[in-house]
Amino acid sequence: MNIRQASLFFPLTSLLLATGFVVKPVLADHLNFTFYNESSKPIYALYVSAAHFRDWGSDILGTDTLGMGESTRITFPGQDNDSPCIYDIKAVFTDNSVSTGRYNLCAADYVTVR
């Protein structure tokens, strides 16, 4: 299994102001998680966005592809205890099919697509 590192770069404190989320105190790295591709197709685009955002933002894989059986560590620089917990994740496969889901990243250490 290959593990790659990807980071989301946006100010999480501003997300709290925009959403009004109330979260419990947790560790400062509570949003970081490992994303596993256990599907039968490579992923060419991966998006992670706070649940209230309508725009997915940038593809966090960039020019990389996440192959079958591979994983990547997603980190959130600048997160703090006031960062929201609920995020949407969208994986776009090389055949242009899509998998989406909503996750409480404060309670998840990993997310798997199958």
PDB file of N, CA and C in Angstrom:
ATOM      1  N   MET A   1       0.837  -1.162   0.000  1.00  0.00           N
ATOM      2  CA  MET A   1       0.000   0.000   0.000  1.00  0.00           C
ATOM      3  C   MET A   1       0.894   1.241   0.000  1.00  0.00           C
ATOM      4  N   ASN A   2       0.629   2.148  -0.906  1.00  0.00           N
ATOM      5  CA  ASN A   2       1.360   3.407  -0.960  1.00  0.00           C
ATOM      6  C   ASN A   2       0.591   4.479  -0.201  1.00  0.00           C
ATOM      7  N   ILE A   3       1.296   5.288   0.555  1.00  0.00           N
ATOM      8  CA  ILE A   3       0.667   6.399   1.266  1.00  0.00           C
ATOM      9  C   ILE A   3       1.266   7.688   0.755  1.00  0.00           C
ATOM     10  N   ARG A   4       0.411   8.606   0.364  1.00  0.00           N
ATOM     11  CA  ARG A   4       0.838   9.923  -0.104  1.00  0.00           C
ATOM     12  C   ARG A   4       0.316  10.961   0.857  1.00  0.00           C
ATOM     13  N   GLN A   5       0.930  12.097   0.881  1.00  0.00           N
ATOM     14  CA  GLN A   5       0.528  13.187   1.769  1.00  0.00           C
ATOM     15  C   GLN A   5      -0.134  14.293   0.956  1.00  0.00           C
ATOM     16  N   ALA A   6      -1.281  14.756   1.391  1.00  0.00           N
ATOM     17  CA  ALA A   6      -1.958  15.892   0.770  1.00  0.00           C
ATOM     18  C   ALA A   6      -2.429  16.812   1.877  1.00  0.00           C
ATOM     19  N   SER A   7      -2.403  18.089   1.633  1.00  0.00           N
ATOM     20  CA  SER A   7      -2.835  19.054   2.640  1.00  0.00           C
ATOM     21  C   SER A   7      -3.865  20.001   2.053  1.00  0.00           C
ATOM     22  N   LEU A   8      -4.800  20.377   2.888  1.00  0.00           N
ATOM     23  CA  LEU A   8      -5.790  21.373   2.512  1.00  0.00           C
ATOM     24  C   LEU A   8      -5.351  22.707   3.082  1.00  0.00           C
ATOM     25  N   PHE A   9      -5.251  23.698   2.246  1.00  0.00           N
ATOM     26  CA  PHE A   9      -4.789  24.998   2.682  1.00  0.00           C
ATOM     27  C   PHE A   9      -5.908  26.020   2.583  1.00  0.00           C
ATOM     28  N   PHE A  10      -6.646  26.187   3.652  1.00  0.00           N
ATOM     29  CA  PHE A  10      -7.607  27.274   3.744  1.00  0.00           C
ATOM     30  C   PHE A  10      -7.817  27.573   5.217  1.00  0.00           C
ATOM     31  N   PRO A  11      -8.176  28.813   5.537  1.00  0.00           N
ATOM     32  CA  PRO A  11      -8.288  29.202   6.948  1.00  0.00           C
ATOM     33  C   PRO A  11      -9.534  28.608   7.591  1.00  0.00           C
ATOM     34  N   LEU A  12      -9.345  27.620   8.415  1.00  0.00           N
ATOM     35  CA  LEU A  12     -10.475  26.949   9.028  1.00  0.00           C
ATOM     36  C   LEU A  12     -11.198  27.824  10.032  1.00  0.00           C
ATOM     37  N   THR A  13     -10.538  28.762  10.642  1.00  0.00           N
ATOM     38  CA  THR A  13     -11.224  29.623  11.594  1.00  0.00           C
ATOM     39  C   THR A  13     -12.290  30.450  10.903  1.00  0.00           C
ATOM     40  N   SER A  14     -12.078  30.842   9.643  1.00  0.00           N
ATOM     41  CA  SER A  14     -13.098  31.600   8.932  1.00  0.00           C
ATOM     42  C   SER A  14     -14.308  30.722   8.609  1.00  0.00           C
ATOM     43  N   LEU A  15     -14.108  29.406   8.493  1.00  0.00           N
ATOM     44  CA  LEU A  15     -15.229  28.511   8.258  1.00  0.00           C
ATOM     45  C   LEU A  15     -16.175  28.518   9.446  1.00  0.00           C
ATOM     46  N   LEU A  16     -15.628  28.579  10.623  1.00  0.00           N
ATOM     47  CA  LEU A  16     -16.450  28.603  11.813  1.00  0.00           C
ATOM     48  C   LEU A  16     -17.309  29.855  11.823  1.00  0.00           C
ATOM     49  N   LEU A  17     -16.744  31.000  11.479  1.00  0.00           N
ATOM     50  CA  LEU A  17     -17.491  32.243  11.463  1.00  0.00           C
ATOM     51  C   LEU A  17     -18.607  32.201  10.432  1.00  0.00           C
ATOM     52  N   ALA A  18     -18.342  31.579   9.306  1.00  0.00           N
ATOM     53  CA  ALA A  18     -19.332  31.544   8.240  1.00  0.00           C
ATOM     54  C   ALA A  18     -20.466  30.565   8.532  1.00  0.00           C
ATOM     55  N   THR A  19     -20.228  29.538   9.325  1.00  0.00           N
ATOM     56  CA  THR A  19     -21.223  28.493   9.511  1.00  0.00           C
ATOM     57  C   THR A  19     -21.953  28.565  10.830  1.00  0.00           C
ATOM     58  N   GLY A  20     -21.309  29.085  11.849  1.00  0.00           N
ATOM     59  CA  GLY A  20     -21.904  29.066  13.170  1.00  0.00           C
ATOM     60  C   GLY A  20     -21.841  27.699  13.819  1.00  0.00           C
ATOM     61  N   PHE A  21     -21.022  26.776  13.302  1.00  0.00           N
ATOM     62  CA  PHE A  21     -20.858  25.469  13.917  1.00  0.00           C
ATOM     63  C   PHE A  21     -20.392  25.621  15.356  1.00  0.00           C
ATOM     64  N   VAL A  22     -20.875  24.774  16.203  1.00  0.00           N
ATOM     65  CA  VAL A  22     -20.367  24.689  17.559  1.00  0.00           C
ATOM     66  C   VAL A  22     -19.773  23.302  17.696  1.00  0.00           C
ATOM     67  N   VAL A  23     -18.511  23.237  18.077  1.00  0.00           N
ATOM     68  CA  VAL A  23     -17.859  21.938  18.211  1.00  0.00           C
ATOM     69  C   VAL A  23     -17.288  21.799  19.601  1.00  0.00           C
ATOM     70  N   LYS A  24     -17.138  20.576  20.031  1.00  0.00           N
ATOM     71  CA  LYS A  24     -16.553  20.305  21.336  1.00  0.00           C
ATOM     72  C   LYS A  24     -15.040  20.462  21.270  1.00  0.00           C
ATOM     73  N   PRO A  25     -14.395  20.784  22.367  1.00  0.00           N
ATOM     74  CA  PRO A  25     -12.932  20.871  22.367  1.00  0.00           C
ATOM     75  C   PRO A  25     -12.324  19.507  22.043  1.00  0.00           C
ATOM     76  N   VAL A  26     -11.363  19.517  21.125  1.00  0.00           N
ATOM     77  CA  VAL A  26     -10.670  18.291  20.737  1.00  0.00           C
ATOM     78  C   VAL A  26      -9.213  18.633  20.487  1.00  0.00           C
ATOM     79  N   LEU A  27      -8.436  17.642  20.131  1.00  0.00           N
ATOM     80  CA  LEU A  27      -7.035  17.878  19.813  1.00  0.00           C
ATOM     81  C   LEU A  27      -6.907  18.734  18.563  1.00  0.00           C
ATOM     82  N   ALA A  28      -5.832  19.479  18.452  1.00  0.00           N
ATOM     83  CA  ALA A  28      -5.651  20.411  17.339  1.00  0.00           C
ATOM     84  C   ALA A  28      -5.514  19.725  15.983  1.00  0.00           C
ATOM     85  N   ASP A  29      -5.249  18.444  15.929  1.00  0.00           N
ATOM     86  CA  ASP A  29      -5.155  17.750  14.636  1.00  0.00           C
ATOM     87  C   ASP A  29      -6.353  16.829  14.417  1.00  0.00           C
ATOM     88  N   HIS A  30      -7.473  17.180  14.967  1.00  0.00           N
ATOM     89  CA  HIS A  30      -8.655  16.324  14.954  1.00  0.00           C
ATOM     90  C   HIS A  30      -9.263  16.102  13.569  1.00  0.00           C
ATOM     91  N   LEU A  31      -8.944  16.911  12.582  1.00  0.00           N
ATOM     92  CA  LEU A  31      -9.522  16.753  11.251  1.00  0.00           C
ATOM     93  C   LEU A  31      -8.672  15.894  10.322  1.00  0.00           C
ATOM     94  N   ASN A  32      -7.409  15.710  10.617  1.00  0.00           N
ATOM     95  CA  ASN A  32      -6.521  14.943   9.746  1.00  0.00           C
ATOM     96  C   ASN A  32      -7.017  13.499   9.637  1.00  0.00           C
ATOM     97  N   PHE A  33      -6.954  12.957   8.421  1.00  0.00           N
ATOM     98  CA  PHE A  33      -7.415  11.585   8.211  1.00  0.00           C
ATOM     99  C   PHE A  33      -6.671  10.969   7.033  1.00  0.00           C
ATOM    100  N   THR A  34      -6.760   9.657   6.935  1.00  0.00           N
ATOM    101  CA  THR A  34      -6.189   8.934   5.802  1.00  0.00           C
ATOM    102  C   THR A  34      -7.339   8.525   4.891  1.00  0.00           C
ATOM    103  N   PHE A  35      -7.179   8.792   3.593  1.00  0.00           N
ATOM    104  CA  PHE A  35      -8.175   8.436   2.588  1.00  0.00           C
ATOM    105  C   PHE A  35      -7.679   7.210   1.834  1.00  0.00           C
ATOM    106  N   TYR A  36      -8.479   6.143   1.829  1.00  0.00           N
ATOM    107  CA  TYR A  36      -8.118   4.880   1.178  1.00  0.00           C
ATOM    108  C   TYR A  36      -8.964   4.666  -0.081  1.00  0.00           C
ATOM    109  N   ASN A  37      -8.301   4.317  -1.160  1.00  0.00           N
ATOM    110  CA  ASN A  37      -9.002   3.933  -2.384  1.00  0.00           C
ATOM    111  C   ASN A  37      -9.033   2.411  -2.454  1.00  0.00           C
ATOM    112  N   GLU A  38     -10.136   1.820  -2.013  1.00  0.00           N
ATOM    113  CA  GLU A  38     -10.316   0.374  -2.094  1.00  0.00           C
ATOM    114  C   GLU A  38     -11.292   0.021  -3.210  1.00  0.00           C
ATOM    115  N   SER A  39     -11.469   0.944  -4.155  1.00  0.00           N
ATOM    116  CA  SER A  39     -12.342   0.686  -5.297  1.00  0.00           C
ATOM    117  C   SER A  39     -11.560  -0.074  -6.366  1.00  0.00           C
ATOM    118  N   SER A  40     -12.239  -0.370  -7.446  1.00  0.00           N
ATOM    119  CA  SER A  40     -11.588  -1.074  -8.548  1.00  0.00           C
ATOM    120  C   SER A  40     -11.108  -0.119  -9.635  1.00  0.00           C
ATOM    121  N   LYS A  41     -11.103   1.201  -9.321  1.00  0.00           N
ATOM    122  CA  LYS A  41     -10.711   2.216 -10.307  1.00  0.00           C
ATOM    123  C   LYS A  41      -9.781   3.243  -9.673  1.00  0.00           C
ATOM    124  N   PRO A  42      -8.835   3.760 -10.437  1.00  0.00           N
ATOM    125  CA  PRO A  42      -7.996   4.850  -9.931  1.00  0.00           C
ATOM    126  C   PRO A  42      -8.815   6.135  -9.777  1.00  0.00           C
ATOM    127  N   ILE A  43      -8.396   6.968  -8.843  1.00  0.00           N
ATOM    128  CA  ILE A  43      -9.031   8.268  -8.612  1.00  0.00           C
ATOM    129  C   ILE A  43      -8.117   9.340  -9.183  1.00  0.00           C
ATOM    130  N   TYR A  44      -8.644  10.221 -10.029  1.00  0.00           N
ATOM    131  CA  TYR A  44      -7.810  11.282 -10.586  1.00  0.00           C
ATOM    132  C   TYR A  44      -8.088  12.637  -9.963  1.00  0.00           C
ATOM    133  N   ALA A  45      -9.174  12.771  -9.195  1.00  0.00           N
ATOM    134  CA  ALA A  45      -9.459  14.035  -8.517  1.00  0.00           C
ATOM    135  C   ALA A  45     -10.096  13.733  -7.170  1.00  0.00           C
ATOM    136  N   LEU A  46      -9.708  14.488  -6.153  1.00  0.00           N
ATOM    137  CA  LEU A  46     -10.242  14.320  -4.806  1.00  0.00           C
ATOM    138  C   LEU A  46     -10.496  15.695  -4.219  1.00  0.00           C
ATOM    139  N   TYR A  47     -11.704  15.891  -3.732  1.00  0.00           N
ATOM    140  CA  TYR A  47     -12.106  17.181  -3.173  1.00  0.00           C
ATOM    141  C   TYR A  47     -12.601  16.981  -1.749  1.00  0.00           C
ATOM    142  N   VAL A  48     -12.204  17.888  -0.860  1.00  0.00           N
ATOM    143  CA  VAL A  48     -12.673  17.880   0.520  1.00  0.00           C
ATOM    144  C   VAL A  48     -13.110  19.299   0.826  1.00  0.00           C
ATOM    145  N   SER A  49     -14.357  19.440   1.256  1.00  0.00           N
ATOM    146  CA  SER A  49     -14.922  20.766   1.478  1.00  0.00           C
ATOM    147  C   SER A  49     -15.797  20.747   2.723  1.00  0.00           C
ATOM    148  N   ALA A  50     -15.771  21.826   3.492  1.00  0.00           N
ATOM    149  CA  ALA A  50     -16.682  21.943   4.630  1.00  0.00           C
ATOM    150  C   ALA A  50     -18.105  21.754   4.115  1.00  0.00           C
ATOM    151  N   ALA A  51     -18.932  21.087   4.885  1.00  0.00           N
ATOM    152  CA  ALA A  51     -20.255  20.667   4.423  1.00  0.00           C
ATOM    153  C   ALA A  51     -21.128  21.819   3.943  1.00  0.00           C
ATOM    154  N   HIS A  52     -20.955  22.988   4.469  1.00  0.00           N
ATOM    155  CA  HIS A  52     -21.814  24.115   4.094  1.00  0.00           C
ATOM    156  C   HIS A  52     -21.384  24.818   2.803  1.00  0.00           C
ATOM    157  N   PHE A  53     -20.201  24.527   2.293  1.00  0.00           N
ATOM    158  CA  PHE A  53     -19.722  25.179   1.077  1.00  0.00           C
ATOM    159  C   PHE A  53     -20.402  24.579  -0.154  1.00  0.00           C
ATOM    160  N   ARG A  54     -20.750  25.416  -1.111  1.00  0.00           N
ATOM    161  CA  ARG A  54     -21.341  24.934  -2.364  1.00  0.00           C
ATOM    162  C   ARG A  54     -20.269  24.651  -3.406  1.00  0.00           C
ATOM    163  N   ASP A  55     -19.094  25.218  -3.231  1.00  0.00           N
ATOM    164  CA  ASP A  55     -17.987  25.054  -4.172  1.00  0.00           C
ATOM    165  C   ASP A  55     -17.029  24.008  -3.607  1.00  0.00           C
ATOM    166  N   TRP A  56     -16.618  23.068  -4.443  1.00  0.00           N
ATOM    167  CA  TRP A  56     -15.697  22.026  -4.003  1.00  0.00           C
ATOM    168  C   TRP A  56     -14.277  22.539  -3.830  1.00  0.00           C
ATOM    169  N   GLY A  57     -13.919  23.642  -4.455  1.00  0.00           N
ATOM    170  CA  GLY A  57     -12.546  24.125  -4.353  1.00  0.00           C
ATOM    171  C   GLY A  57     -11.618  23.345  -5.260  1.00  0.00           C
ATOM    172  N   SER A  58     -10.344  23.315  -4.909  1.00  0.00           N
ATOM    173  CA  SER A  58      -9.316  22.695  -5.747  1.00  0.00           C
ATOM    174  C   SER A  58      -9.205  21.197  -5.502  1.00  0.00           C
ATOM    175  N   ASP A  59      -8.802  20.499  -6.535  1.00  0.00           N
ATOM    176  CA  ASP A  59      -8.498  19.070  -6.460  1.00  0.00           C
ATOM    177  C   ASP A  59      -7.238  18.919  -5.613  1.00  0.00           C
ATOM    178  N   ILE A  60      -7.334  18.220  -4.491  1.00  0.00           N
ATOM    179  CA  ILE A  60      -6.174  18.131  -3.603  1.00  0.00           C
ATOM    180  C   ILE A  60      -5.130  17.129  -4.087  1.00  0.00           C
ATOM    181  N   LEU A  61      -5.458  16.309  -5.076  1.00  0.00           N
ATOM    182  CA  LEU A  61      -4.446  15.413  -5.642  1.00  0.00           C
ATOM    183  C   LEU A  61      -3.566  16.143  -6.656  1.00  0.00           C
ATOM    184  N   GLY A  62      -4.051  17.282  -7.163  1.00  0.00           N
ATOM    185  CA  GLY A  62      -3.274  18.006  -8.166  1.00  0.00           C
ATOM    186  C   GLY A  62      -3.112  17.154  -9.413  1.00  0.00           C
ATOM    187  N   THR A  63      -1.881  16.930  -9.827  1.00  0.00           N
ATOM    188  CA  THR A  63      -1.626  16.125 -11.025  1.00  0.00           C
ATOM    189  C   THR A  63      -1.466  14.638 -10.705  1.00  0.00           C
ATOM    190  N   ASP A  64      -1.513  14.276  -9.430  1.00  0.00           N
ATOM    191  CA  ASP A  64      -1.375  12.875  -9.024  1.00  0.00           C
ATOM    192  C   ASP A  64      -2.664  12.097  -9.248  1.00  0.00           C
ATOM    193  N   THR A  65      -2.536  10.792  -9.273  1.00  0.00           N
ATOM    194  CA  THR A  65      -3.659   9.866  -9.320  1.00  0.00           C
ATOM    195  C   THR A  65      -3.512   8.925  -8.135  1.00  0.00           C
ATOM    196  N   LEU A  66      -4.626   8.606  -7.499  1.00  0.00           N
ATOM    197  CA  LEU A  66      -4.616   7.669  -6.380  1.00  0.00           C
ATOM    198  C   LEU A  66      -5.095   6.322  -6.901  1.00  0.00           C
ATOM    199  N   GLY A  67      -4.147   5.410  -7.071  1.00  0.00           N
ATOM    200  CA  GLY A  67      -4.444   4.108  -7.656  1.00  0.00           C
ATOM    201  C   GLY A  67      -5.236   3.202  -6.736  1.00  0.00           C
ATOM    202  N   MET A  68      -5.684   2.100  -7.307  1.00  0.00           N
ATOM    203  CA  MET A  68      -6.399   1.091  -6.537  1.00  0.00           C
ATOM    204  C   MET A  68      -5.485   0.568  -5.433  1.00  0.00           C
ATOM    205  N   GLY A  69      -5.995   0.527  -4.219  1.00  0.00           N
ATOM    206  CA  GLY A  69      -5.214   0.037  -3.088  1.00  0.00           C
ATOM    207  C   GLY A  69      -4.287   1.063  -2.475  1.00  0.00           C
ATOM    208  N   GLU A  70      -4.253   2.275  -3.002  1.00  0.00           N
ATOM    209  CA  GLU A  70      -3.388   3.323  -2.452  1.00  0.00           C
ATOM    210  C   GLU A  70      -4.162   4.181  -1.459  1.00  0.00           C
ATOM    211  N   SER A  71      -3.419   4.943  -0.681  1.00  0.00           N
ATOM    212  CA  SER A  71      -4.030   5.862   0.279  1.00  0.00           C
ATOM    213  C   SER A  71      -3.230   7.156   0.314  1.00  0.00           C
ATOM    214  N   THR A  72      -3.848   8.174   0.873  1.00  0.00           N
ATOM    215  CA  THR A  72      -3.176   9.455   1.046  1.00  0.00           C
ATOM    216  C   THR A  72      -3.597  10.041   2.382  1.00  0.00           C
ATOM    217  N   ARG A  73      -2.687  10.694   3.043  1.00  0.00           N
ATOM    218  CA  ARG A  73      -2.967  11.348   4.323  1.00  0.00           C
ATOM    219  C   ARG A  73      -3.393  12.774   4.032  1.00  0.00           C
ATOM    220  N   ILE A  74      -4.557  13.162   4.517  1.00  0.00           N
ATOM    221  CA  ILE A  74      -5.090  14.505   4.329  1.00  0.00           C
ATOM    222  C   ILE A  74      -4.886  15.267   5.631  1.00  0.00           C
ATOM    223  N   THR A  75      -4.205  16.396   5.551  1.00  0.00           N
ATOM    224  CA  THR A  75      -3.967  17.214   6.738  1.00  0.00           C
ATOM    225  C   THR A  75      -4.560  18.604   6.539  1.00  0.00           C
ATOM    226  N   PHE A  76      -4.894  19.236   7.612  1.00  0.00           N
ATOM    227  CA  PHE A  76      -5.503  20.555   7.626  1.00  0.00           C
ATOM    228  C   PHE A  76      -4.591  21.516   8.399  1.00  0.00           C
ATOM    229  N   PRO A  77      -3.632  22.151   7.738  1.00  0.00           N
ATOM    230  CA  PRO A  77      -2.790  23.122   8.435  1.00  0.00           C
ATOM    231  C   PRO A  77      -3.645  24.271   8.959  1.00  0.00           C
ATOM    232  N   GLY A  78      -3.342  24.734  10.133  1.00  0.00           N
ATOM    233  CA  GLY A  78      -4.058  25.875  10.696  1.00  0.00           C
ATOM    234  C   GLY A  78      -5.350  25.526  11.401  1.00  0.00           C
ATOM    235  N   GLN A  79      -5.668  24.233  11.513  1.00  0.00           N
ATOM    236  CA  GLN A  79      -6.896  23.887  12.223  1.00  0.00           C
ATOM    237  C   GLN A  79      -6.754  24.184  13.701  1.00  0.00           C
ATOM    238  N   ASP A  80      -7.870  24.424  14.337  1.00  0.00           N
ATOM    239  CA  ASP A  80      -7.861  24.623  15.783  1.00  0.00           C
ATOM    240  C   ASP A  80      -9.115  23.976  16.363  1.00  0.00           C
ATOM    241  N   ASN A  81      -9.297  24.096  17.650  1.00  0.00           N
ATOM    242  CA  ASN A  81     -10.421  23.439  18.316  1.00  0.00           C
ATOM    243  C   ASN A  81     -11.771  23.987  17.880  1.00  0.00           C
ATOM    244  N   ASP A  82     -11.781  25.145  17.220  1.00  0.00           N
ATOM    245  CA  ASP A  82     -13.031  25.728  16.747  1.00  0.00           C
ATOM    246  C   ASP A  82     -13.337  25.376  15.294  1.00  0.00           C
ATOM    247  N   SER A  83     -12.504  24.588  14.653  1.00  0.00           N
ATOM    248  CA  SER A  83     -12.725  24.197  13.261  1.00  0.00           C
ATOM    249  C   SER A  83     -13.957  23.295  13.167  1.00  0.00           C
ATOM    250  N   PRO A  84     -14.760  23.449  12.108  1.00  0.00           N
ATOM    251  CA  PRO A  84     -15.938  22.590  11.961  1.00  0.00           C
ATOM    252  C   PRO A  84     -15.535  21.140  11.743  1.00  0.00           C
ATOM    253  N   CYS A  85     -16.442  20.240  12.055  1.00  0.00           N
ATOM    254  CA  CYS A  85     -16.159  18.798  11.960  1.00  0.00           C
ATOM    255  C   CYS A  85     -16.736  18.134  10.723  1.00  0.00           C
ATOM    256  N   ILE A  86     -17.795  18.669  10.160  1.00  0.00           N
ATOM    257  CA  ILE A  86     -18.525  17.987   9.093  1.00  0.00           C
ATOM    258  C   ILE A  86     -18.008  18.444   7.731  1.00  0.00           C
ATOM    259  N   TYR A  87     -17.544  17.465   6.933  1.00  0.00           N
ATOM    260  CA  TYR A  87     -16.968  17.736   5.613  1.00  0.00           C
ATOM    261  C   TYR A  87     -17.557  16.798   4.577  1.00  0.00           C
ATOM    262  N   ASP A  88     -17.645  17.308   3.350  1.00  0.00           N
ATOM    263  CA  ASP A  88     -18.032  16.505   2.203  1.00  0.00           C
ATOM    264  C   ASP A  88     -16.769  16.101   1.453  1.00  0.00           C
ATOM    265  N   ILE A  89     -16.757  14.875   0.952  1.00  0.00           N
ATOM    266  CA  ILE A  89     -15.619  14.370   0.189  1.00  0.00           C
ATOM    267  C   ILE A  89     -16.146  13.835  -1.140  1.00  0.00           C
ATOM    268  N   LYS A  90     -15.462  14.221  -2.208  1.00  0.00           N
ATOM    269  CA  LYS A  90     -15.846  13.774  -3.552  1.00  0.00           C
ATOM    270  C   LYS A  90     -14.625  13.184  -4.237  1.00  0.00           C
ATOM    271  N   ALA A  91     -14.758  11.939  -4.683  1.00  0.00           N
ATOM    272  CA  ALA A  91     -13.714  11.268  -5.453  1.00  0.00           C
ATOM    273  C   ALA A  91     -14.204  11.121  -6.889  1.00  0.00           C
ATOM    274  N   VAL A  92     -13.354  11.519  -7.848  1.00  0.00           N
ATOM    275  CA  VAL A  92     -13.680  11.383  -9.263  1.00  0.00           C
ATOM    276  C   VAL A  92     -12.728  10.335  -9.840  1.00  0.00           C
ATOM    277  N   PHE A  93     -13.310   9.283 -10.401  1.00  0.00           N
ATOM    278  CA  PHE A  93     -12.527   8.173 -10.931  1.00  0.00           C
ATOM    279  C   PHE A  93     -12.125   8.437 -12.380  1.00  0.00           C
ATOM    280  N   THR A  94     -11.164   7.683 -12.854  1.00  0.00           N
ATOM    281  CA  THR A  94     -10.647   7.889 -14.212  1.00  0.00           C
ATOM    282  C   THR A  94     -11.697   7.633 -15.292  1.00  0.00           C
ATOM    283  N   ASP A  95     -12.777   6.924 -14.970  1.00  0.00           N
ATOM    284  CA  ASP A  95     -13.863   6.729 -15.936  1.00  0.00           C
ATOM    285  C   ASP A  95     -14.938   7.813 -15.799  1.00  0.00           C
ATOM    286  N   ASN A  96     -14.626   8.864 -15.018  1.00  0.00           N
ATOM    287  CA  ASN A  96     -15.500  10.018 -14.748  1.00  0.00           C
ATOM    288  C   ASN A  96     -16.690   9.707 -13.854  1.00  0.00           C
ATOM    289  N   SER A  97     -16.769   8.513 -13.269  1.00  0.00           N
ATOM    290  CA  SER A  97     -17.784   8.258 -12.257  1.00  0.00           C
ATOM    291  C   SER A  97     -17.357   8.965 -10.969  1.00  0.00           C
ATOM    292  N   VAL A  98     -18.317   9.204 -10.082  1.00  0.00           N
ATOM    293  CA  VAL A  98     -18.078  10.009  -8.888  1.00  0.00           C
ATOM    294  C   VAL A  98     -18.631   9.294  -7.665  1.00  0.00           C
ATOM    295  N   SER A  99     -17.911   9.426  -6.553  1.00  0.00           N
ATOM    296  CA  SER A  99     -18.390   8.959  -5.259  1.00  0.00           C
ATOM    297  C   SER A  99     -18.316  10.130  -4.294  1.00  0.00           C
ATOM    298  N   THR A 100     -19.420  10.405  -3.587  1.00  0.00           N
ATOM    299  CA  THR A 100     -19.431  11.498  -2.614  1.00  0.00           C
ATOM    300  C   THR A 100     -19.947  10.986  -1.282  1.00  0.00           C
ATOM    301  N   GLY A 101     -19.576  11.672  -0.231  1.00  0.00           N
ATOM    302  CA  GLY A 101     -20.068  11.342   1.096  1.00  0.00           C
ATOM    303  C   GLY A 101     -19.837  12.481   2.057  1.00  0.00           C
ATOM    304  N   ARG A 102     -20.591  12.483   3.137  1.00  0.00           N
ATOM    305  CA  ARG A 102     -20.446  13.484   4.204  1.00  0.00           C
ATOM    306  C   ARG A 102     -19.910  12.759   5.431  1.00  0.00           C
ATOM    307  N   TYR A 103     -18.887  13.354   6.066  1.00  0.00           N
ATOM    308  CA  TYR A 103     -18.195  12.698   7.174  1.00  0.00           C
ATOM    309  C   TYR A 103     -17.948  13.657   8.329  1.00  0.00           C
ATOM    310  N   ASN A 104     -18.023  13.129   9.531  1.00  0.00           N
ATOM    311  CA  ASN A 104     -17.621  13.866  10.730  1.00  0.00           C
ATOM    312  C   ASN A 104     -16.138  13.560  10.932  1.00  0.00           C
ATOM    313  N   LEU A 105     -15.284  14.458  10.470  1.00  0.00           N
ATOM    314  CA  LEU A 105     -13.844  14.203  10.540  1.00  0.00           C
ATOM    315  C   LEU A 105     -13.298  14.303  11.960  1.00  0.00           C
ATOM    316  N   CYS A 106     -14.057  14.878  12.877  1.00  0.00           N
ATOM    317  CA  CYS A 106     -13.636  14.890  14.274  1.00  0.00           C
ATOM    318  C   CYS A 106     -13.722  13.489  14.882  1.00  0.00           C
ATOM    319  N   ALA A 107     -14.523  12.626  14.268  1.00  0.00           N
ATOM    320  CA  ALA A 107     -14.725  11.275  14.785  1.00  0.00           C
ATOM    321  C   ALA A 107     -14.135  10.201  13.884  1.00  0.00           C
ATOM    322  N   ALA A 108     -13.455  10.602  12.791  1.00  0.00           N
ATOM    323  CA  ALA A 108     -12.938   9.618  11.836  1.00  0.00           C
ATOM    324  C   ALA A 108     -11.432   9.764  11.684  1.00  0.00           C
ATOM    325  N   ASP A 109     -10.721   8.655  11.724  1.00  0.00           N
ATOM    326  CA  ASP A 109      -9.287   8.643  11.448  1.00  0.00           C
ATOM    327  C   ASP A 109      -9.010   8.277  10.006  1.00  0.00           C
ATOM    328  N   TYR A 110     -10.003   7.683   9.330  1.00  0.00           N
ATOM    329  CA  TYR A 110      -9.836   7.307   7.935  1.00  0.00           C
ATOM    330  C   TYR A 110     -11.188   7.344   7.229  1.00  0.00           C
ATOM    331  N   VAL A 111     -11.120   7.496   5.914  1.00  0.00           N
ATOM    332  CA  VAL A 111     -12.286   7.413   5.029  1.00  0.00           C
ATOM    333  C   VAL A 111     -11.890   6.476   3.904  1.00  0.00           C
ATOM    334  N   THR A 112     -12.781   5.552   3.558  1.00  0.00           N
ATOM    335  CA  THR A 112     -12.498   4.574   2.513  1.00  0.00           C
ATOM    336  C   THR A 112     -13.565   4.657   1.441  1.00  0.00           C
ATOM    337  N   VAL A 113     -13.125   4.663   0.181  1.00  0.00           N
ATOM    338  CA  VAL A 113     -14.055   4.552  -0.943  1.00  0.00           C
ATOM    339  C   VAL A 113     -13.910   3.158  -1.521  1.00  0.00           C
ATOM    340  N   ARG A 114     -15.050   2.546  -1.801  1.00  0.00           N
ATOM    341  CA  ARG A 114     -15.049   1.172  -2.344  1.00  0.00           C
ATOM    342  C   ARG A 114     -15.796   1.136  -3.644  1.00  0.00           C
TER     343      ARG A 114
END
